Amino acid sequence: MKKIITLISLVMVFLPWTIFPLRTNPWTLQSPAAEIIVYSYAAFMIFSAVFTTVAYVKGKVKNKGMQIAMVINDIYGFTALCLLGLAINTAIGG
């Protein structure tokens, strides 16, 4: 079970990078599709950070792959939270 959780966490590390090939389509650059895509990826990155951290701490999955996945996913999650904060601040006119 710990190997499966590690594999899921490692896949979650690479999934946010799929936004770049997706954004080569013209329809993804237009509003509201652009906002929906960015917010969806941000939510996924936050979920990935929470999932990996909970699995590492509570599930006691503490191997090298999980340690790498936790650090990277936590960086992604923190960055996504910051970007969402900026988007909310801009939306309310701050």
PDB file of N, CA and C in Angstrom:
ATOM      1  N   MET A   1       0.816  -1.193   0.000  1.00  0.00           N
ATOM      2  CA  MET A   1       0.000   0.000   0.000  1.00  0.00           C
ATOM      3  C   MET A   1       0.866   1.266   0.000  1.00  0.00           C
ATOM      4  N   LYS A   2       1.989   1.205   0.724  1.00  0.00           N
ATOM      5  CA  LYS A   2       2.859   2.380   0.789  1.00  0.00           C
ATOM      6  C   LYS A   2       3.486   2.682  -0.568  1.00  0.00           C
ATOM      7  N   LYS A   3       3.749   1.649  -1.360  1.00  0.00           N
ATOM      8  CA  LYS A   3       4.318   1.865  -2.695  1.00  0.00           C
ATOM      9  C   LYS A   3       3.296   2.524  -3.625  1.00  0.00           C
ATOM     10  N   ILE A   4       2.041   2.166  -3.474  1.00  0.00           N
ATOM     11  CA  ILE A   4       0.980   2.764  -4.296  1.00  0.00           C
ATOM     12  C   ILE A   4       0.818   4.232  -3.955  1.00  0.00           C
ATOM     13  N   ILE A   5       0.825   4.553  -2.666  1.00  0.00           N
ATOM     14  CA  ILE A   5       0.698   5.952  -2.239  1.00  0.00           C
ATOM     15  C   ILE A   5       1.899   6.762  -2.726  1.00  0.00           C
ATOM     16  N   THR A   6       3.078   6.169  -2.651  1.00  0.00           N
ATOM     17  CA  THR A   6       4.272   6.850  -3.159  1.00  0.00           C
ATOM     18  C   THR A   6       4.162   7.088  -4.660  1.00  0.00           C
ATOM     19  N   LEU A   7       3.696   6.100  -5.394  1.00  0.00           N
ATOM     20  CA  LEU A   7       3.536   6.248  -6.840  1.00  0.00           C
ATOM     21  C   LEU A   7       2.528   7.348  -7.170  1.00  0.00           C
ATOM     22  N   ILE A   8       1.411   7.380  -6.465  1.00  0.00           N
ATOM     23  CA  ILE A   8       0.410   8.426  -6.686  1.00  0.00           C
ATOM     24  C   ILE A   8       1.010   9.800  -6.418  1.00  0.00           C
ATOM     25  N   SER A   9       1.753   9.916  -5.337  1.00  0.00           N
ATOM     26  CA  SER A   9       2.369  11.202  -5.001  1.00  0.00           C
ATOM     27  C   SER A   9       3.404  11.624  -6.039  1.00  0.00           C
ATOM     28  N   LEU A  10       4.161  10.671  -6.549  1.00  0.00           N
ATOM     29  CA  LEU A  10       5.148  11.002  -7.573  1.00  0.00           C
ATOM     30  C   LEU A  10       4.489  11.398  -8.896  1.00  0.00           C
ATOM     31  N   VAL A  11       3.375  10.774  -9.238  1.00  0.00           N
ATOM     32  CA  VAL A  11       2.636  11.173 -10.449  1.00  0.00           C
ATOM     33  C   VAL A  11       2.086  12.582 -10.280  1.00  0.00           C
ATOM     34  N   MET A  12       1.657  12.904  -9.063  1.00  0.00           N
ATOM     35  CA  MET A  12       1.134  14.250  -8.797  1.00  0.00           C
ATOM     36  C   MET A  12       2.202  15.330  -8.952  1.00  0.00           C
ATOM     37  N   VAL A  13       3.461  14.948  -8.862  1.00  0.00           N
ATOM     38  CA  VAL A  13       4.550  15.913  -9.061  1.00  0.00           C
ATOM     39  C   VAL A  13       4.586  16.377 -10.515  1.00  0.00           C
ATOM     40  N   PHE A  14       4.353  15.460 -11.449  1.00  0.00           N
ATOM     41  CA  PHE A  14       4.508  15.787 -12.865  1.00  0.00           C
ATOM     42  C   PHE A  14       3.224  16.300 -13.523  1.00  0.00           C
ATOM     43  N   LEU A  15       2.079  16.052 -12.929  1.00  0.00           N
ATOM     44  CA  LEU A  15       0.810  16.444 -13.551  1.00  0.00           C
ATOM     45  C   LEU A  15       0.649  17.955 -13.757  1.00  0.00           C
ATOM     46  N   PRO A  16       1.085  18.821 -12.846  1.00  0.00           N
ATOM     47  CA  PRO A  16       0.936  20.263 -13.104  1.00  0.00           C
ATOM     48  C   PRO A  16       1.664  20.762 -14.350  1.00  0.00           C
ATOM     49  N   TRP A  17       2.679  20.044 -14.799  1.00  0.00           N
ATOM     50  CA  TRP A  17       3.409  20.468 -15.983  1.00  0.00           C
ATOM     51  C   TRP A  17       2.622  20.234 -17.271  1.00  0.00           C
ATOM     52  N   THR A  18       1.513  19.519 -17.191  1.00  0.00           N
ATOM     53  CA  THR A  18       0.694  19.300 -18.382  1.00  0.00           C
ATOM     54  C   THR A  18      -0.057  20.552 -18.804  1.00  0.00           C
ATOM     55  N   ILE A  19      -0.009  21.601 -17.997  1.00  0.00           N
ATOM     56  CA  ILE A  19      -0.680  22.840 -18.371  1.00  0.00           C
ATOM     57  C   ILE A  19       0.000  23.481 -19.581  1.00  0.00           C
ATOM     58  N   PHE A  20       1.297  23.275 -19.737  1.00  0.00           N
ATOM     59  CA  PHE A  20       2.000  23.922 -20.849  1.00  0.00           C
ATOM     60  C   PHE A  20       1.570  23.401 -22.212  1.00  0.00           C
ATOM     61  N   PRO A  21       1.506  22.088 -22.449  1.00  0.00           N
ATOM     62  CA  PRO A  21       0.995  21.652 -23.753  1.00  0.00           C
ATOM     63  C   PRO A  21      -0.487  21.963 -23.929  1.00  0.00           C
ATOM     64  N   LEU A  22      -1.229  21.960 -22.833  1.00  0.00           N
ATOM     65  CA  LEU A  22      -2.657  22.274 -22.920  1.00  0.00           C
ATOM     66  C   LEU A  22      -2.863  23.717 -23.368  1.00  0.00           C
ATOM     67  N   ARG A  23      -2.015  24.605 -22.893  1.00  0.00           N
ATOM     68  CA  ARG A  23      -2.179  26.025 -23.210  1.00  0.00           C
ATOM     69  C   ARG A  23      -1.728  26.391 -24.620  1.00  0.00           C
ATOM     70  N   THR A  24      -1.298  25.437 -25.416  1.00  0.00           N
ATOM     71  CA  THR A  24      -0.967  25.730 -26.808  1.00  0.00           C
ATOM     72  C   THR A  24      -2.220  25.822 -27.679  1.00  0.00           C
ATOM     73  N   ASN A  25      -3.355  25.358 -27.151  1.00  0.00           N
ATOM     74  CA  ASN A  25      -4.619  25.473 -27.880  1.00  0.00           C
ATOM     75  C   ASN A  25      -5.167  26.891 -27.744  1.00  0.00           C
ATOM     76  N   PRO A  26      -5.668  27.481 -28.813  1.00  0.00           N
ATOM     77  CA  PRO A  26      -6.141  28.866 -28.746  1.00  0.00           C
ATOM     78  C   PRO A  26      -7.315  29.071 -27.781  1.00  0.00           C
ATOM     79  N   TRP A  27      -8.197  28.097 -27.661  1.00  0.00           N
ATOM     80  CA  TRP A  27      -9.363  28.273 -26.800  1.00  0.00           C
ATOM     81  C   TRP A  27      -8.982  28.330 -25.328  1.00  0.00           C
ATOM     82  N   THR A  28      -7.808  27.792 -24.961  1.00  0.00           N
ATOM     83  CA  THR A  28      -7.413  27.801 -23.553  1.00  0.00           C
ATOM     84  C   THR A  28      -6.862  29.149 -23.117  1.00  0.00           C
ATOM     85  N   LEU A  29      -6.596  30.023 -24.059  1.00  0.00           N
ATOM     86  CA  LEU A  29      -6.057  31.333 -23.725  1.00  0.00           C
ATOM     87  C   LEU A  29      -7.138  32.389 -23.584  1.00  0.00           C
ATOM     88  N   GLN A  30      -8.381  32.024 -23.876  1.00  0.00           N
ATOM     89  CA  GLN A  30      -9.480  32.979 -23.817  1.00  0.00           C
ATOM     90  C   GLN A  30     -10.252  32.831 -22.516  1.00  0.00           C
ATOM     91  N   SER A  31     -10.775  33.942 -22.049  1.00  0.00           N
ATOM     92  CA  SER A  31     -11.592  33.919 -20.846  1.00  0.00           C
ATOM     93  C   SER A  31     -12.955  33.330 -21.198  1.00  0.00           C
ATOM     94  N   PRO A  32     -13.600  32.575 -20.388  1.00  0.00           N
ATOM     95  CA  PRO A  32     -13.304  32.153 -19.024  1.00  0.00           C
ATOM     96  C   PRO A  32     -12.517  30.845 -18.943  1.00  0.00           C
ATOM     97  N   ALA A  33     -12.200  30.237 -20.075  1.00  0.00           N
ATOM     98  CA  ALA A  33     -11.498  28.954 -20.040  1.00  0.00           C
ATOM     99  C   ALA A  33     -10.135  29.083 -19.355  1.00  0.00           C
ATOM    100  N   ALA A  34      -9.438  30.173 -19.592  1.00  0.00           N
ATOM    101  CA  ALA A  34      -8.118  30.363 -19.002  1.00  0.00           C
ATOM    102  C   ALA A  34      -8.192  30.383 -17.477  1.00  0.00           C
ATOM    103  N   GLU A  35      -9.163  31.114 -16.945  1.00  0.00           N
ATOM    104  CA  GLU A  35      -9.303  31.192 -15.491  1.00  0.00           C
ATOM    105  C   GLU A  35      -9.689  29.842 -14.893  1.00  0.00           C
ATOM    106  N   ILE A  36     -10.581  29.153 -15.561  1.00  0.00           N
ATOM    107  CA  ILE A  36     -11.022  27.844 -15.060  1.00  0.00           C
ATOM    108  C   ILE A  36      -9.849  26.871 -15.034  1.00  0.00           C
ATOM    109  N   ILE A  37      -9.048  26.870 -16.075  1.00  0.00           N
ATOM    110  CA  ILE A  37      -7.899  25.963 -16.136  1.00  0.00           C
ATOM    111  C   ILE A  37      -6.895  26.292 -15.043  1.00  0.00           C
ATOM    112  N   VAL A  38      -6.575  27.563 -14.883  1.00  0.00           N
ATOM    113  CA  VAL A  38      -5.585  27.953 -13.876  1.00  0.00           C
ATOM    114  C   VAL A  38      -6.087  27.629 -12.475  1.00  0.00           C
ATOM    115  N   TYR A  39      -7.352  27.927 -12.183  1.00  0.00           N
ATOM    116  CA  TYR A  39      -7.886  27.631 -10.850  1.00  0.00           C
ATOM    117  C   TYR A  39      -7.981  26.127 -10.612  1.00  0.00           C
ATOM    118  N   SER A  40      -8.283  25.369 -11.645  1.00  0.00           N
ATOM    119  CA  SER A  40      -8.343  23.911 -11.503  1.00  0.00           C
ATOM    120  C   SER A  40      -6.963  23.330 -11.198  1.00  0.00           C
ATOM    121  N   TYR A  41      -5.961  23.795 -11.908  1.00  0.00           N
ATOM    122  CA  TYR A  41      -4.609  23.325 -11.639  1.00  0.00           C
ATOM    123  C   TYR A  41      -4.144  23.753 -10.249  1.00  0.00           C
ATOM    124  N   ALA A  42      -4.504  24.960  -9.831  1.00  0.00           N
ATOM    125  CA  ALA A  42      -4.128  25.412  -8.491  1.00  0.00           C
ATOM    126  C   ALA A  42      -4.794  24.545  -7.423  1.00  0.00           C
ATOM    127  N   ALA A  43      -6.062  24.229  -7.615  1.00  0.00           N
ATOM    128  CA  ALA A  43      -6.760  23.367  -6.652  1.00  0.00           C
ATOM    129  C   ALA A  43      -6.128  21.978  -6.619  1.00  0.00           C
ATOM    130  N   PHE A  44      -5.746  21.458  -7.776  1.00  0.00           N
ATOM    131  CA  PHE A  44      -5.096  20.153  -7.817  1.00  0.00           C
ATOM    132  C   PHE A  44      -3.760  20.182  -7.088  1.00  0.00           C
ATOM    133  N   MET A  45      -3.004  21.251  -7.270  1.00  0.00           N
ATOM    134  CA  MET A  45      -1.700  21.341  -6.617  1.00  0.00           C
ATOM    135  C   MET A  45      -1.848  21.453  -5.104  1.00  0.00           C
ATOM    136  N   ILE A  46      -2.874  22.155  -4.637  1.00  0.00           N
ATOM    137  CA  ILE A  46      -3.132  22.231  -3.196  1.00  0.00           C
ATOM    138  C   ILE A  46      -3.549  20.864  -2.673  1.00  0.00           C
ATOM    139  N   PHE A  47      -4.425  20.170  -3.414  1.00  0.00           N
ATOM    140  CA  PHE A  47      -4.826  18.819  -3.017  1.00  0.00           C
ATOM    141  C   PHE A  47      -3.621  17.882  -2.978  1.00  0.00           C
ATOM    142  N   SER A  48      -2.739  17.991  -3.956  1.00  0.00           N
ATOM    143  CA  SER A  48      -1.550  17.143  -3.994  1.00  0.00           C
ATOM    144  C   SER A  48      -0.670  17.370  -2.771  1.00  0.00           C
ATOM    145  N   ALA A  49      -0.507  18.628  -2.406  1.00  0.00           N
ATOM    146  CA  ALA A  49       0.311  18.944  -1.237  1.00  0.00           C
ATOM    147  C   ALA A  49      -0.306  18.368   0.034  1.00  0.00           C
ATOM    148  N   VAL A  50      -1.614  18.523   0.184  1.00  0.00           N
ATOM    149  CA  VAL A  50      -2.284  17.999   1.371  1.00  0.00           C
ATOM    150  C   VAL A  50      -2.231  16.475   1.396  1.00  0.00           C
ATOM    151  N   PHE A  51      -2.520  15.837   0.268  1.00  0.00           N
ATOM    152  CA  PHE A  51      -2.503  14.377   0.188  1.00  0.00           C
ATOM    153  C   PHE A  51      -1.125  13.826   0.538  1.00  0.00           C
ATOM    154  N   THR A  52      -0.092  14.388  -0.061  1.00  0.00           N
ATOM    155  CA  THR A  52       1.255  13.891   0.164  1.00  0.00           C
ATOM    156  C   THR A  52       1.705  14.120   1.602  1.00  0.00           C
ATOM    157  N   THR A  53       1.390  15.273   2.148  1.00  0.00           N
ATOM    158  CA  THR A  53       1.790  15.560   3.526  1.00  0.00           C
ATOM    159  C   THR A  53       1.064  14.664   4.513  1.00  0.00           C
ATOM    160  N   VAL A  54      -0.223  14.459   4.316  1.00  0.00           N
ATOM    161  CA  VAL A  54      -0.987  13.580   5.210  1.00  0.00           C
ATOM    162  C   VAL A  54      -0.484  12.146   5.098  1.00  0.00           C
ATOM    163  N   ALA A  55      -0.209  11.690   3.890  1.00  0.00           N
ATOM    164  CA  ALA A  55       0.301  10.332   3.711  1.00  0.00           C
ATOM    165  C   ALA A  55       1.669  10.175   4.362  1.00  0.00           C
ATOM    166  N   TYR A  56       2.477  11.210   4.293  1.00  0.00           N
ATOM    167  CA  TYR A  56       3.812  11.144   4.880  1.00  0.00           C
ATOM    168  C   TYR A  56       3.738  11.163   6.411  1.00  0.00           C
ATOM    169  N   VAL A  57       2.925  12.053   6.957  1.00  0.00           N
ATOM    170  CA  VAL A  57       2.890  12.223   8.410  1.00  0.00           C
ATOM    171  C   VAL A  57       1.990  11.190   9.078  1.00  0.00           C
ATOM    172  N   LYS A  58       0.733  11.132   8.664  1.00  0.00           N
ATOM    173  CA  LYS A  58      -0.228  10.231   9.309  1.00  0.00           C
ATOM    174  C   LYS A  58      -0.095   8.792   8.836  1.00  0.00           C
ATOM    175  N   GLY A  59       0.168   8.610   7.540  1.00  0.00           N
ATOM    176  CA  GLY A  59       0.266   7.267   6.988  1.00  0.00           C
ATOM    177  C   GLY A  59       1.632   6.647   7.174  1.00  0.00           C
ATOM    178  N   LYS A  60       2.565   7.456   7.660  1.00  0.00           N
ATOM    179  CA  LYS A  60       3.924   6.982   7.918  1.00  0.00           C
ATOM    180  C   LYS A  60       4.582   6.353   6.693  1.00  0.00           C
ATOM    181  N   VAL A  61       4.337   6.958   5.535  1.00  0.00           N
ATOM    182  CA  VAL A  61       4.991   6.521   4.296  1.00  0.00           C
ATOM    183  C   VAL A  61       6.244   7.384   4.168  1.00  0.00           C
ATOM    184  N   LYS A  62       7.364   6.891   4.659  1.00  0.00           N
ATOM    185  CA  LYS A  62       8.569   7.713   4.745  1.00  0.00           C
ATOM    186  C   LYS A  62       9.737   7.066   4.003  1.00  0.00           C
ATOM    187  N   ASN A  63       9.598   6.963   2.685  1.00  0.00           N
ATOM    188  CA  ASN A  63      10.704   6.485   1.868  1.00  0.00           C
ATOM    189  C   ASN A  63      11.261   7.660   1.061  1.00  0.00           C
ATOM    190  N   LYS A  64      12.347   7.434   0.342  1.00  0.00           N
ATOM    191  CA  LYS A  64      13.009   8.530  -0.388  1.00  0.00           C
ATOM    192  C   LYS A  64      12.106   9.154  -1.452  1.00  0.00           C
ATOM    193  N   GLY A  65      11.375   8.318  -2.183  1.00  0.00           N
ATOM    194  CA  GLY A  65      10.468   8.851  -3.201  1.00  0.00           C
ATOM    195  C   GLY A  65       9.398   9.734  -2.604  1.00  0.00           C
ATOM    196  N   MET A  66       8.870   9.320  -1.468  1.00  0.00           N
ATOM    197  CA  MET A  66       7.826  10.108  -0.797  1.00  0.00           C
ATOM    198  C   MET A  66       8.399  11.409  -0.238  1.00  0.00           C
ATOM    199  N   GLN A  67       9.629  11.379   0.237  1.00  0.00           N
ATOM    200  CA  GLN A  67      10.244  12.599   0.739  1.00  0.00           C
ATOM    201  C   GLN A  67      10.419  13.621  -0.383  1.00  0.00           C
ATOM    202  N   ILE A  68      10.857  13.153  -1.535  1.00  0.00           N
ATOM    203  CA  ILE A  68      11.015  14.043  -2.688  1.00  0.00           C
ATOM    204  C   ILE A  68       9.662  14.577  -3.133  1.00  0.00           C
ATOM    205  N   ALA A  69       8.666  13.691  -3.226  1.00  0.00           N
ATOM    206  CA  ALA A  69       7.327  14.103  -3.652  1.00  0.00           C
ATOM    207  C   ALA A  69       6.726  15.094  -2.667  1.00  0.00           C
ATOM    208  N   MET A  70       6.955  14.885  -1.374  1.00  0.00           N
ATOM    209  CA  MET A  70       6.383  15.789  -0.384  1.00  0.00           C
ATOM    210  C   MET A  70       6.976  17.192  -0.503  1.00  0.00           C
ATOM    211  N   VAL A  71       8.275  17.278  -0.669  1.00  0.00           N
ATOM    212  CA  VAL A  71       8.905  18.598  -0.780  1.00  0.00           C
ATOM    213  C   VAL A  71       8.402  19.327  -2.025  1.00  0.00           C
ATOM    214  N   ILE A  72       8.390  18.645  -3.154  1.00  0.00           N
ATOM    215  CA  ILE A  72       7.975  19.290  -4.403  1.00  0.00           C
ATOM    216  C   ILE A  72       6.489  19.648  -4.358  1.00  0.00           C
ATOM    217  N   ASN A  73       5.641  18.720  -3.904  1.00  0.00           N
ATOM    218  CA  ASN A  73       4.208  19.009  -3.850  1.00  0.00           C
ATOM    219  C   ASN A  73       3.888  20.107  -2.839  1.00  0.00           C
ATOM    220  N   ASP A  74       4.629  20.181  -1.752  1.00  0.00           N
ATOM    221  CA  ASP A  74       4.406  21.264  -0.798  1.00  0.00           C
ATOM    222  C   ASP A  74       4.805  22.619  -1.378  1.00  0.00           C
ATOM    223  N   ILE A  75       5.865  22.643  -2.168  1.00  0.00           N
ATOM    224  CA  ILE A  75       6.240  23.882  -2.858  1.00  0.00           C
ATOM    225  C   ILE A  75       5.153  24.270  -3.853  1.00  0.00           C
ATOM    226  N   TYR A  76       4.662  23.298  -4.619  1.00  0.00           N
ATOM    227  CA  TYR A  76       3.560  23.564  -5.549  1.00  0.00           C
ATOM    228  C   TYR A  76       2.330  24.089  -4.802  1.00  0.00           C
ATOM    229  N   GLY A  77       1.984  23.443  -3.706  1.00  0.00           N
ATOM    230  CA  GLY A  77       0.803  23.844  -2.951  1.00  0.00           C
ATOM    231  C   GLY A  77       0.928  25.242  -2.389  1.00  0.00           C
ATOM    232  N   PHE A  78       2.090  25.577  -1.840  1.00  0.00           N
ATOM    233  CA  PHE A  78       2.307  26.918  -1.302  1.00  0.00           C
ATOM    234  C   PHE A  78       2.227  27.962  -2.411  1.00  0.00           C
ATOM    235  N   THR A  79       2.831  27.660  -3.545  1.00  0.00           N
ATOM    236  CA  THR A  79       2.779  28.579  -4.689  1.00  0.00           C
ATOM    237  C   THR A  79       1.351  28.769  -5.174  1.00  0.00           C
ATOM    238  N   ALA A  80       0.582  27.689  -5.235  1.00  0.00           N
ATOM    239  CA  ALA A  80      -0.815  27.779  -5.669  1.00  0.00           C
ATOM    240  C   ALA A  80      -1.630  28.615  -4.693  1.00  0.00           C
ATOM    241  N   LEU A  81      -1.395  28.439  -3.398  1.00  0.00           N
ATOM    242  CA  LEU A  81      -2.102  29.269  -2.411  1.00  0.00           C
ATOM    243  C   LEU A  81      -1.768  30.746  -2.580  1.00  0.00           C
ATOM    244  N   CYS A  82      -0.513  31.044  -2.835  1.00  0.00           N
ATOM    245  CA  CYS A  82      -0.112  32.437  -3.054  1.00  0.00           C
ATOM    246  C   CYS A  82      -0.770  33.018  -4.307  1.00  0.00           C
ATOM    247  N   LEU A  83      -0.797  32.227  -5.380  1.00  0.00           N
ATOM    248  CA  LEU A  83      -1.424  32.707  -6.618  1.00  0.00           C
ATOM    249  C   LEU A  83      -2.922  32.900  -6.450  1.00  0.00           C
ATOM    250  N   LEU A  84      -3.579  32.005  -5.728  1.00  0.00           N
ATOM    251  CA  LEU A  84      -5.006  32.186  -5.464  1.00  0.00           C
ATOM    252  C   LEU A  84      -5.250  33.413  -4.597  1.00  0.00           C
ATOM    253  N   GLY A  85      -4.374  33.650  -3.645  1.00  0.00           N
ATOM    254  CA  GLY A  85      -4.481  34.862  -2.829  1.00  0.00           C
ATOM    255  C   GLY A  85      -4.354  36.121  -3.666  1.00  0.00           C
ATOM    256  N   LEU A  86      -3.410  36.115  -4.600  1.00  0.00           N
ATOM    257  CA  LEU A  86      -3.272  37.256  -5.497  1.00  0.00           C
ATOM    258  C   LEU A  86      -4.501  37.430  -6.383  1.00  0.00           C
ATOM    259  N   ALA A  87      -5.044  36.333  -6.863  1.00  0.00           N
ATOM    260  CA  ALA A  87      -6.233  36.413  -7.723  1.00  0.00           C
ATOM    261  C   ALA A  87      -7.435  36.955  -6.946  1.00  0.00           C
ATOM    262  N   ILE A  88      -7.596  36.510  -5.716  1.00  0.00           N
ATOM    263  CA  ILE A  88      -8.702  37.006  -4.895  1.00  0.00           C
ATOM    264  C   ILE A  88      -8.505  38.478  -4.576  1.00  0.00           C
ATOM    265  N   ASN A  89      -7.268  38.852  -4.259  1.00  0.00           N
ATOM    266  CA  ASN A  89      -6.984  40.245  -3.971  1.00  0.00           C
ATOM    267  C   ASN A  89      -7.267  41.143  -5.183  1.00  0.00           C
ATOM    268  N   THR A  90      -6.921  40.662  -6.361  1.00  0.00           N
ATOM    269  CA  THR A  90      -7.188  41.418  -7.579  1.00  0.00           C
ATOM    270  C   THR A  90      -8.687  41.487  -7.859  1.00  0.00           C
ATOM    271  N   ALA A  91      -9.393  40.394  -7.605  1.00  0.00           N
ATOM    272  CA  ALA A  91     -10.832  40.349  -7.883  1.00  0.00           C
ATOM    273  C   ALA A  91     -11.624  41.306  -6.988  1.00  0.00           C
ATOM    274  N   ILE A  92     -11.177  41.464  -5.751  1.00  0.00           N
ATOM    275  CA  ILE A  92     -11.919  42.363  -4.846  1.00  0.00           C
ATOM    276  C   ILE A  92     -11.418  43.798  -4.947  1.00  0.00           C
ATOM    277  N   GLY A  93     -10.449  44.022  -5.813  1.00  0.00           N
ATOM    278  CA  GLY A  93     -10.000  45.377  -6.087  1.00  0.00           C
ATOM    279  C   GLY A  93      -8.949  45.878  -5.128  1.00  0.00           C
ATOM    280  N   GLY A  94      -8.167  44.976  -4.567  1.00  0.00           N
ATOM    281  CA  GLY A  94      -7.154  45.357  -3.579  1.00  0.00           C
ATOM    282  C   GLY A  94      -5.889  45.855  -4.152  1.00  0.00           C
TER     283      GLY A  94
END
